[in-house]
Amino acid sequence: MSLRYLHTMVRISNIEESLDFYCNKLGMQEVRRMESEAGRFTLIFLAAPSDKARAASDNAPLLELTFNWDPENYGEGRNFGHLAFEVDDIYDTCDRLMKAGVTINRPPRDGRMAFIRSPDNISVELLQKGAAHAKREPWASMPNTGKW
């Protein structure tokens, strides 16, 4: 049996807010978009920068944002679980995101892991590439905010 991971789909309620979060703040890049007049939806596929070249040629793992044209309340999104991304520097990434207005729900107190949430309340885990960083302020004593 052959099995290859293709993508994770999350439903979004606002294309502009979601692209601002996933692309402008988190750093993903749009690789393709499809609109279905008959189905009344838009699909936007995003790739991590390191996967963008592969996404065009061999379907690297992607994030599929699904925007249904007819409004619907998706709730908190906690039953989904979370998306996870590896980052080069957990502290720099969290600092950049905070400066961009993103709440760090679970700060990287351990130098390894943090959680944030998208505009549609999808939990996003950030993991330090390689070994954890040494504990550092203000992160080490920063409390959790909200839920993740």
N, C-alpha and C. Protein backbone atom coordinates (compact mmCIF):
# COMPACT_ATOMS: atom_id res chain seq x y z
N MET A 1 0.84 -1.18 0.00
CA MET A 1 0.00 0.00 0.00
C MET A 1 0.89 1.24 0.00
N SER A 2 0.53 2.20 -0.82
CA SER A 2 1.27 3.46 -0.89
C SER A 2 0.41 4.56 -0.27
N LEU A 3 1.01 5.35 0.60
CA LEU A 3 0.27 6.41 1.29
C LEU A 3 1.16 7.64 1.33
N ARG A 4 0.62 8.80 0.93
CA ARG A 4 1.37 10.05 0.95
C ARG A 4 0.47 11.14 1.48
N TYR A 5 0.95 11.88 2.47
CA TYR A 5 0.18 12.98 3.04
C TYR A 5 0.09 14.11 2.02
N LEU A 6 -1.13 14.65 1.80
CA LEU A 6 -1.32 15.71 0.81
C LEU A 6 -1.58 17.07 1.42
N HIS A 7 -2.61 17.19 2.27
CA HIS A 7 -2.93 18.51 2.82
C HIS A 7 -3.84 18.38 4.03
N THR A 8 -3.93 19.49 4.74
CA THR A 8 -4.90 19.66 5.82
C THR A 8 -5.84 20.76 5.40
N MET A 9 -7.14 20.55 5.58
CA MET A 9 -8.12 21.55 5.21
C MET A 9 -8.71 22.18 6.46
N VAL A 10 -8.79 23.50 6.45
CA VAL A 10 -9.50 24.22 7.51
C VAL A 10 -10.47 25.18 6.83
N ARG A 11 -11.65 25.31 7.43
CA ARG A 11 -12.65 26.25 6.92
C ARG A 11 -12.37 27.63 7.50
N ILE A 12 -12.50 28.62 6.66
CA ILE A 12 -12.25 30.00 7.08
C ILE A 12 -13.49 30.84 6.85
N SER A 13 -13.62 31.93 7.59
CA SER A 13 -14.79 32.79 7.44
C SER A 13 -14.48 34.10 6.74
N ASN A 14 -13.19 34.44 6.56
CA ASN A 14 -12.82 35.69 5.92
C ASN A 14 -11.49 35.47 5.20
N ILE A 15 -11.50 35.54 3.88
CA ILE A 15 -10.29 35.28 3.09
C ILE A 15 -9.17 36.25 3.43
N GLU A 16 -9.48 37.55 3.47
CA GLU A 16 -8.44 38.56 3.70
C GLU A 16 -7.78 38.38 5.08
N GLU A 17 -8.59 38.19 6.12
CA GLU A 17 -8.04 37.99 7.47
C GLU A 17 -7.20 36.73 7.53
N SER A 18 -7.67 35.67 6.91
CA SER A 18 -6.94 34.41 6.95
C SER A 18 -5.63 34.50 6.18
N LEU A 19 -5.63 35.12 5.00
CA LEU A 19 -4.38 35.26 4.25
C LEU A 19 -3.41 36.18 4.98
N ASP A 20 -3.93 37.21 5.63
CA ASP A 20 -3.06 38.08 6.43
C ASP A 20 -2.37 37.26 7.52
N PHE A 21 -3.14 36.41 8.22
CA PHE A 21 -2.57 35.60 9.29
C PHE A 21 -1.59 34.56 8.76
N TYR A 22 -2.04 33.71 7.84
CA TYR A 22 -1.21 32.59 7.39
C TYR A 22 -0.04 33.04 6.51
N CYS A 23 -0.23 34.07 5.67
CA CYS A 23 0.83 34.50 4.76
C CYS A 23 1.66 35.65 5.32
N ASN A 24 1.01 36.77 5.64
CA ASN A 24 1.76 37.95 6.09
C ASN A 24 2.39 37.77 7.46
N LYS A 25 1.68 37.12 8.37
CA LYS A 25 2.19 36.99 9.73
C LYS A 25 2.96 35.69 9.95
N LEU A 26 2.42 34.57 9.48
CA LEU A 26 3.06 33.28 9.71
C LEU A 26 4.12 32.98 8.66
N GLY A 27 3.95 33.48 7.44
CA GLY A 27 4.98 33.33 6.41
C GLY A 27 4.70 32.29 5.34
N MET A 28 3.49 31.71 5.32
CA MET A 28 3.17 30.75 4.27
C MET A 28 2.96 31.49 2.95
N GLN A 29 2.93 30.72 1.84
CA GLN A 29 2.78 31.33 0.53
C GLN A 29 1.70 30.61 -0.26
N GLU A 30 0.87 31.42 -0.94
CA GLU A 30 -0.20 30.83 -1.75
C GLU A 30 0.41 30.17 -2.98
N VAL A 31 -0.01 28.92 -3.26
CA VAL A 31 0.51 28.22 -4.43
C VAL A 31 -0.56 28.00 -5.50
N ARG A 32 -1.82 27.96 -5.11
CA ARG A 32 -2.90 27.89 -6.10
C ARG A 32 -4.24 28.21 -5.45
N ARG A 33 -5.19 28.55 -6.33
CA ARG A 33 -6.53 28.92 -5.86
C ARG A 33 -7.55 28.38 -6.87
N MET A 34 -8.68 27.94 -6.35
CA MET A 34 -9.75 27.43 -7.20
C MET A 34 -11.09 27.94 -6.68
N GLU A 35 -11.92 28.43 -7.59
CA GLU A 35 -13.26 28.86 -7.20
C GLU A 35 -14.27 27.97 -7.91
N SER A 36 -15.30 27.58 -7.17
CA SER A 36 -16.37 26.77 -7.73
C SER A 36 -17.68 27.52 -7.61
N GLU A 37 -18.15 28.03 -8.74
CA GLU A 37 -19.43 28.73 -8.77
C GLU A 37 -20.56 27.77 -8.39
N ALA A 38 -20.51 26.55 -8.94
CA ALA A 38 -21.55 25.56 -8.66
C ALA A 38 -21.55 25.13 -7.19
N GLY A 39 -20.38 24.94 -6.63
CA GLY A 39 -20.28 24.51 -5.23
C GLY A 39 -20.31 25.66 -4.24
N ARG A 40 -20.17 26.90 -4.74
CA ARG A 40 -20.19 28.11 -3.92
C ARG A 40 -19.09 28.10 -2.87
N PHE A 41 -17.83 27.84 -3.33
CA PHE A 41 -16.70 27.85 -2.41
C PHE A 41 -15.44 28.27 -3.15
N THR A 42 -14.46 28.71 -2.37
CA THR A 42 -13.12 29.04 -2.86
C THR A 42 -12.14 28.19 -2.08
N LEU A 43 -11.20 27.56 -2.78
CA LEU A 43 -10.12 26.81 -2.13
C LEU A 43 -8.81 27.55 -2.39
N ILE A 44 -8.05 27.77 -1.32
CA ILE A 44 -6.75 28.44 -1.43
C ILE A 44 -5.72 27.50 -0.80
N PHE A 45 -4.71 27.12 -1.58
CA PHE A 45 -3.70 26.20 -1.09
C PHE A 45 -2.43 26.97 -0.76
N LEU A 46 -1.93 26.74 0.46
CA LEU A 46 -0.73 27.42 0.95
C LEU A 46 0.37 26.41 1.24
N ALA A 47 1.61 26.86 1.07
CA ALA A 47 2.77 26.02 1.39
C ALA A 47 3.73 26.81 2.26
N ALA A 48 4.46 26.09 3.08
CA ALA A 48 5.56 26.72 3.82
C ALA A 48 6.59 27.15 2.78
N PRO A 49 7.34 28.24 3.03
CA PRO A 49 8.31 28.70 2.04
C PRO A 49 9.27 27.60 1.57
N SER A 50 9.71 26.75 2.47
CA SER A 50 10.65 25.69 2.08
C SER A 50 10.00 24.60 1.24
N ASP A 51 8.66 24.56 1.20
CA ASP A 51 7.94 23.56 0.41
C ASP A 51 7.36 24.12 -0.89
N LYS A 52 7.48 25.44 -1.11
CA LYS A 52 6.78 26.06 -2.24
C LYS A 52 7.23 25.50 -3.59
N ALA A 53 8.51 25.32 -3.80
CA ALA A 53 8.99 24.79 -5.08
C ALA A 53 8.46 23.38 -5.31
N ARG A 54 8.50 22.56 -4.28
CA ARG A 54 8.00 21.18 -4.40
C ARG A 54 6.50 21.15 -4.59
N ALA A 55 5.77 22.12 -4.05
CA ALA A 55 4.31 22.12 -4.13
C ALA A 55 3.84 22.15 -5.57
N ALA A 56 4.56 22.84 -6.43
CA ALA A 56 4.16 22.93 -7.83
C ALA A 56 4.47 21.64 -8.59
N SER A 57 5.51 20.92 -8.18
CA SER A 57 5.92 19.76 -8.96
C SER A 57 5.47 18.42 -8.39
N ASP A 58 5.45 18.26 -7.07
CA ASP A 58 5.11 16.93 -6.55
C ASP A 58 4.16 16.95 -5.36
N ASN A 59 3.37 17.98 -5.25
CA ASN A 59 2.37 18.06 -4.19
C ASN A 59 2.95 17.92 -2.79
N ALA A 60 3.83 18.83 -2.42
CA ALA A 60 4.32 18.88 -1.04
C ALA A 60 3.12 19.07 -0.12
N PRO A 61 3.26 18.74 1.16
CA PRO A 61 2.14 18.96 2.09
C PRO A 61 1.67 20.41 2.05
N LEU A 62 0.37 20.60 1.98
CA LEU A 62 -0.21 21.93 1.86
C LEU A 62 -1.27 22.16 2.92
N LEU A 63 -1.58 23.42 3.13
CA LEU A 63 -2.71 23.82 3.94
C LEU A 63 -3.78 24.31 2.97
N GLU A 64 -4.95 23.70 3.02
CA GLU A 64 -6.06 24.10 2.17
C GLU A 64 -7.03 24.94 2.99
N LEU A 65 -7.17 26.20 2.60
CA LEU A 65 -8.16 27.08 3.23
C LEU A 65 -9.43 26.99 2.40
N THR A 66 -10.54 26.63 3.04
CA THR A 66 -11.81 26.51 2.35
C THR A 66 -12.74 27.63 2.80
N PHE A 67 -13.12 28.47 1.85
CA PHE A 67 -14.05 29.56 2.12
C PHE A 67 -15.38 29.23 1.45
N ASN A 68 -16.39 28.93 2.26
CA ASN A 68 -17.74 28.69 1.73
C ASN A 68 -18.44 30.03 1.59
N TRP A 69 -19.02 30.28 0.43
CA TRP A 69 -19.61 31.58 0.14
C TRP A 69 -20.83 31.87 0.99
N ASP A 70 -21.52 30.85 1.45
CA ASP A 70 -22.67 31.06 2.31
C ASP A 70 -22.20 31.04 3.76
N PRO A 71 -22.41 32.12 4.52
CA PRO A 71 -21.89 32.22 5.90
C PRO A 71 -22.32 31.05 6.78
N GLU A 72 -21.39 30.65 7.64
CA GLU A 72 -21.62 29.56 8.58
C GLU A 72 -20.73 29.78 9.79
N ASN A 73 -21.24 29.48 10.99
CA ASN A 73 -20.45 29.62 12.21
C ASN A 73 -19.70 28.32 12.47
N TYR A 74 -18.37 28.39 12.50
CA TYR A 74 -17.56 27.18 12.68
C TYR A 74 -17.17 26.93 14.13
N GLY A 75 -17.56 27.80 15.04
CA GLY A 75 -17.25 27.57 16.45
C GLY A 75 -15.78 27.78 16.77
N GLU A 76 -15.35 27.17 17.84
CA GLU A 76 -14.01 27.37 18.36
C GLU A 76 -12.93 26.59 17.62
N GLY A 77 -13.29 25.52 16.93
CA GLY A 77 -12.29 24.77 16.20
C GLY A 77 -11.44 23.84 17.04
N ARG A 78 -11.72 23.72 18.34
CA ARG A 78 -10.89 22.87 19.20
C ARG A 78 -11.02 21.39 18.84
N ASN A 79 -12.16 20.98 18.28
CA ASN A 79 -12.31 19.57 17.93
C ASN A 79 -11.41 19.19 16.76
N PHE A 80 -10.89 20.16 16.03
CA PHE A 80 -9.99 19.91 14.92
C PHE A 80 -8.63 19.43 15.41
N GLY A 81 -8.16 19.91 16.53
CA GLY A 81 -6.80 19.66 16.98
C GLY A 81 -5.96 20.88 16.68
N HIS A 82 -4.88 20.73 15.93
CA HIS A 82 -4.06 21.88 15.60
C HIS A 82 -3.20 21.62 14.38
N LEU A 83 -2.68 22.71 13.79
CA LEU A 83 -1.66 22.66 12.76
C LEU A 83 -0.32 22.80 13.48
N ALA A 84 0.74 22.24 12.94
CA ALA A 84 2.06 22.36 13.56
C ALA A 84 3.08 22.77 12.51
N PHE A 85 3.93 23.74 12.89
CA PHE A 85 4.98 24.22 12.01
C PHE A 85 6.30 24.27 12.77
N GLU A 86 7.37 23.84 12.13
CA GLU A 86 8.71 23.96 12.69
C GLU A 86 9.24 25.34 12.32
N VAL A 87 9.88 26.01 13.29
CA VAL A 87 10.44 27.35 13.05
C VAL A 87 11.92 27.35 13.41
N ASP A 88 12.69 28.23 12.75
CA ASP A 88 14.12 28.30 13.00
C ASP A 88 14.44 28.83 14.39
N ASP A 89 13.66 29.82 14.85
CA ASP A 89 13.91 30.40 16.17
C ASP A 89 12.57 30.73 16.82
N ILE A 90 12.18 29.94 17.81
CA ILE A 90 10.88 30.07 18.46
C ILE A 90 10.70 31.44 19.09
N TYR A 91 11.76 31.98 19.70
CA TYR A 91 11.64 33.29 20.36
C TYR A 91 11.47 34.41 19.34
N ASP A 92 12.28 34.40 18.28
CA ASP A 92 12.15 35.43 17.24
C ASP A 92 10.79 35.35 16.56
N THR A 93 10.32 34.14 16.28
CA THR A 93 9.03 33.96 15.62
C THR A 93 7.91 34.50 16.49
N CYS A 94 7.90 34.15 17.78
CA CYS A 94 6.84 34.63 18.68
C CYS A 94 6.91 36.14 18.85
N ASP A 95 8.11 36.70 18.92
CA ASP A 95 8.26 38.15 19.04
C ASP A 95 7.69 38.84 17.80
N ARG A 96 8.03 38.33 16.62
CA ARG A 96 7.53 38.91 15.37
C ARG A 96 6.01 38.82 15.30
N LEU A 97 5.45 37.67 15.69
CA LEU A 97 4.00 37.50 15.66
C LEU A 97 3.30 38.44 16.65
N MET A 98 3.86 38.57 17.86
CA MET A 98 3.26 39.48 18.85
C MET A 98 3.26 40.91 18.32
N LYS A 99 4.36 41.33 17.71
CA LYS A 99 4.45 42.68 17.16
C LYS A 99 3.46 42.89 16.02
N ALA A 100 3.04 41.79 15.37
CA ALA A 100 2.06 41.86 14.29
C ALA A 100 0.63 41.74 14.82
N GLY A 101 0.47 41.69 16.16
CA GLY A 101 -0.85 41.66 16.75
C GLY A 101 -1.41 40.28 17.04
N VAL A 102 -0.59 39.23 16.92
CA VAL A 102 -1.04 37.87 17.19
C VAL A 102 -0.84 37.57 18.67
N THR A 103 -1.85 37.05 19.34
CA THR A 103 -1.75 36.65 20.75
C THR A 103 -1.01 35.33 20.84
N ILE A 104 -0.01 35.28 21.71
CA ILE A 104 0.70 34.03 21.98
C ILE A 104 -0.06 33.35 23.11
N ASN A 105 -0.90 32.38 22.77
CA ASN A 105 -1.75 31.73 23.77
C ASN A 105 -0.95 30.88 24.76
N ARG A 106 0.01 30.16 24.27
CA ARG A 106 0.89 29.36 25.13
C ARG A 106 2.31 29.78 24.75
N PRO A 107 2.94 30.64 25.57
CA PRO A 107 4.28 31.14 25.26
C PRO A 107 5.32 30.02 25.27
N PRO A 108 6.45 30.24 24.60
CA PRO A 108 7.50 29.22 24.55
C PRO A 108 8.36 29.23 25.82
N ARG A 109 7.73 28.98 26.95
CA ARG A 109 8.46 29.01 28.23
C ARG A 109 9.61 28.01 28.27
N ASP A 110 9.45 26.90 27.57
CA ASP A 110 10.46 25.84 27.57
C ASP A 110 11.48 26.00 26.44
N GLY A 111 11.36 27.08 25.64
CA GLY A 111 12.29 27.29 24.54
C GLY A 111 12.03 26.37 23.36
N ARG A 112 10.92 25.66 23.39
CA ARG A 112 10.66 24.66 22.35
C ARG A 112 9.29 24.78 21.68
N MET A 113 8.23 25.12 22.42
CA MET A 113 6.88 25.03 21.88
C MET A 113 6.04 26.24 22.27
N ALA A 114 5.23 26.69 21.32
CA ALA A 114 4.27 27.77 21.56
C ALA A 114 3.00 27.46 20.79
N PHE A 115 1.89 28.09 21.20
CA PHE A 115 0.63 27.97 20.47
C PHE A 115 0.06 29.35 20.22
N ILE A 116 -0.51 29.53 19.04
CA ILE A 116 -1.25 30.72 18.66
C ILE A 116 -2.56 30.24 18.04
N ARG A 117 -3.44 31.19 17.68
CA ARG A 117 -4.70 30.81 17.01
C ARG A 117 -4.94 31.72 15.82
N SER A 118 -5.52 31.13 14.78
CA SER A 118 -5.84 31.88 13.56
C SER A 118 -7.08 32.74 13.81
N PRO A 119 -7.43 33.61 12.85
CA PRO A 119 -8.65 34.40 13.01
C PRO A 119 -9.91 33.54 13.16
N ASP A 120 -9.86 32.28 12.71
CA ASP A 120 -11.01 31.38 12.85
C ASP A 120 -10.83 30.42 14.02
N ASN A 121 -9.93 30.75 14.94
CA ASN A 121 -9.68 29.98 16.16
C ASN A 121 -9.11 28.58 15.92
N ILE A 122 -8.37 28.40 14.84
CA ILE A 122 -7.65 27.15 14.62
C ILE A 122 -6.36 27.25 15.42
N SER A 123 -6.09 26.26 16.26
CA SER A 123 -4.85 26.25 17.04
C SER A 123 -3.67 25.94 16.12
N VAL A 124 -2.59 26.70 16.29
CA VAL A 124 -1.38 26.53 15.51
C VAL A 124 -0.22 26.35 16.49
N GLU A 125 0.44 25.19 16.41
CA GLU A 125 1.59 24.91 17.26
C GLU A 125 2.86 25.30 16.52
N LEU A 126 3.75 25.98 17.22
CA LEU A 126 5.07 26.34 16.68
C LEU A 126 6.11 25.55 17.46
N LEU A 127 6.97 24.83 16.76
CA LEU A 127 7.99 24.01 17.41
C LEU A 127 9.38 24.45 16.97
N GLN A 128 10.27 24.58 17.93
CA GLN A 128 11.65 24.96 17.66
C GLN A 128 12.35 23.87 16.85
N LYS A 129 12.99 24.26 15.76
CA LYS A 129 13.78 23.33 14.97
C LYS A 129 15.01 22.89 15.78
N GLY A 130 15.27 21.62 15.82
CA GLY A 130 16.42 21.11 16.57
C GLY A 130 16.16 21.15 18.07
N ALA A 131 17.23 21.36 18.82
CA ALA A 131 17.14 21.37 20.28
C ALA A 131 16.42 22.63 20.78
N ALA A 132 15.79 22.49 21.92
CA ALA A 132 15.12 23.64 22.55
C ALA A 132 16.14 24.72 22.89
N HIS A 133 15.71 25.98 22.81
CA HIS A 133 16.55 27.10 23.27
C HIS A 133 16.57 27.11 24.79
N ALA A 134 17.58 27.73 25.36
CA ALA A 134 17.62 27.94 26.81
C ALA A 134 16.45 28.85 27.18
N LYS A 135 15.92 28.66 28.38
CA LYS A 135 14.81 29.51 28.83
C LYS A 135 15.25 30.96 28.84
N ARG A 136 14.32 31.85 28.44
CA ARG A 136 14.65 33.26 28.32
C ARG A 136 13.42 34.09 28.63
N GLU A 137 13.63 35.22 29.28
CA GLU A 137 12.54 36.17 29.53
C GLU A 137 12.32 37.01 28.28
N PRO A 138 11.13 37.51 28.04
CA PRO A 138 9.98 37.47 28.93
C PRO A 138 9.20 36.16 28.85
N TRP A 139 9.63 35.26 27.98
CA TRP A 139 8.88 34.03 27.71
C TRP A 139 8.79 33.10 28.90
N ALA A 140 9.88 32.95 29.65
CA ALA A 140 9.93 31.96 30.72
C ALA A 140 8.86 32.18 31.78
N SER A 141 8.50 33.44 32.05
CA SER A 141 7.51 33.70 33.10
C SER A 141 6.17 34.21 32.54
N MET A 142 6.02 34.20 31.23
CA MET A 142 4.79 34.70 30.61
C MET A 142 3.65 33.69 30.81
N PRO A 143 2.51 34.13 31.30
CA PRO A 143 1.38 33.18 31.51
C PRO A 143 0.68 32.87 30.19
N ASN A 144 -0.10 31.82 30.21
CA ASN A 144 -0.97 31.49 29.08
C ASN A 144 -2.02 32.57 28.93
N THR A 145 -2.49 32.78 27.68
CA THR A 145 -3.56 33.72 27.40
C THR A 145 -4.64 32.98 26.62
N GLY A 146 -5.83 32.96 27.14
CA GLY A 146 -6.92 32.28 26.45
C GLY A 146 -6.71 30.78 26.42
N LYS A 147 -7.10 30.17 25.31
CA LYS A 147 -6.91 28.73 25.16
C LYS A 147 -6.29 28.44 23.82
N TRP A 148 -5.79 27.25 23.70
CA TRP A 148 -5.17 26.87 22.45
C TRP A 148 -5.55 25.46 22.11
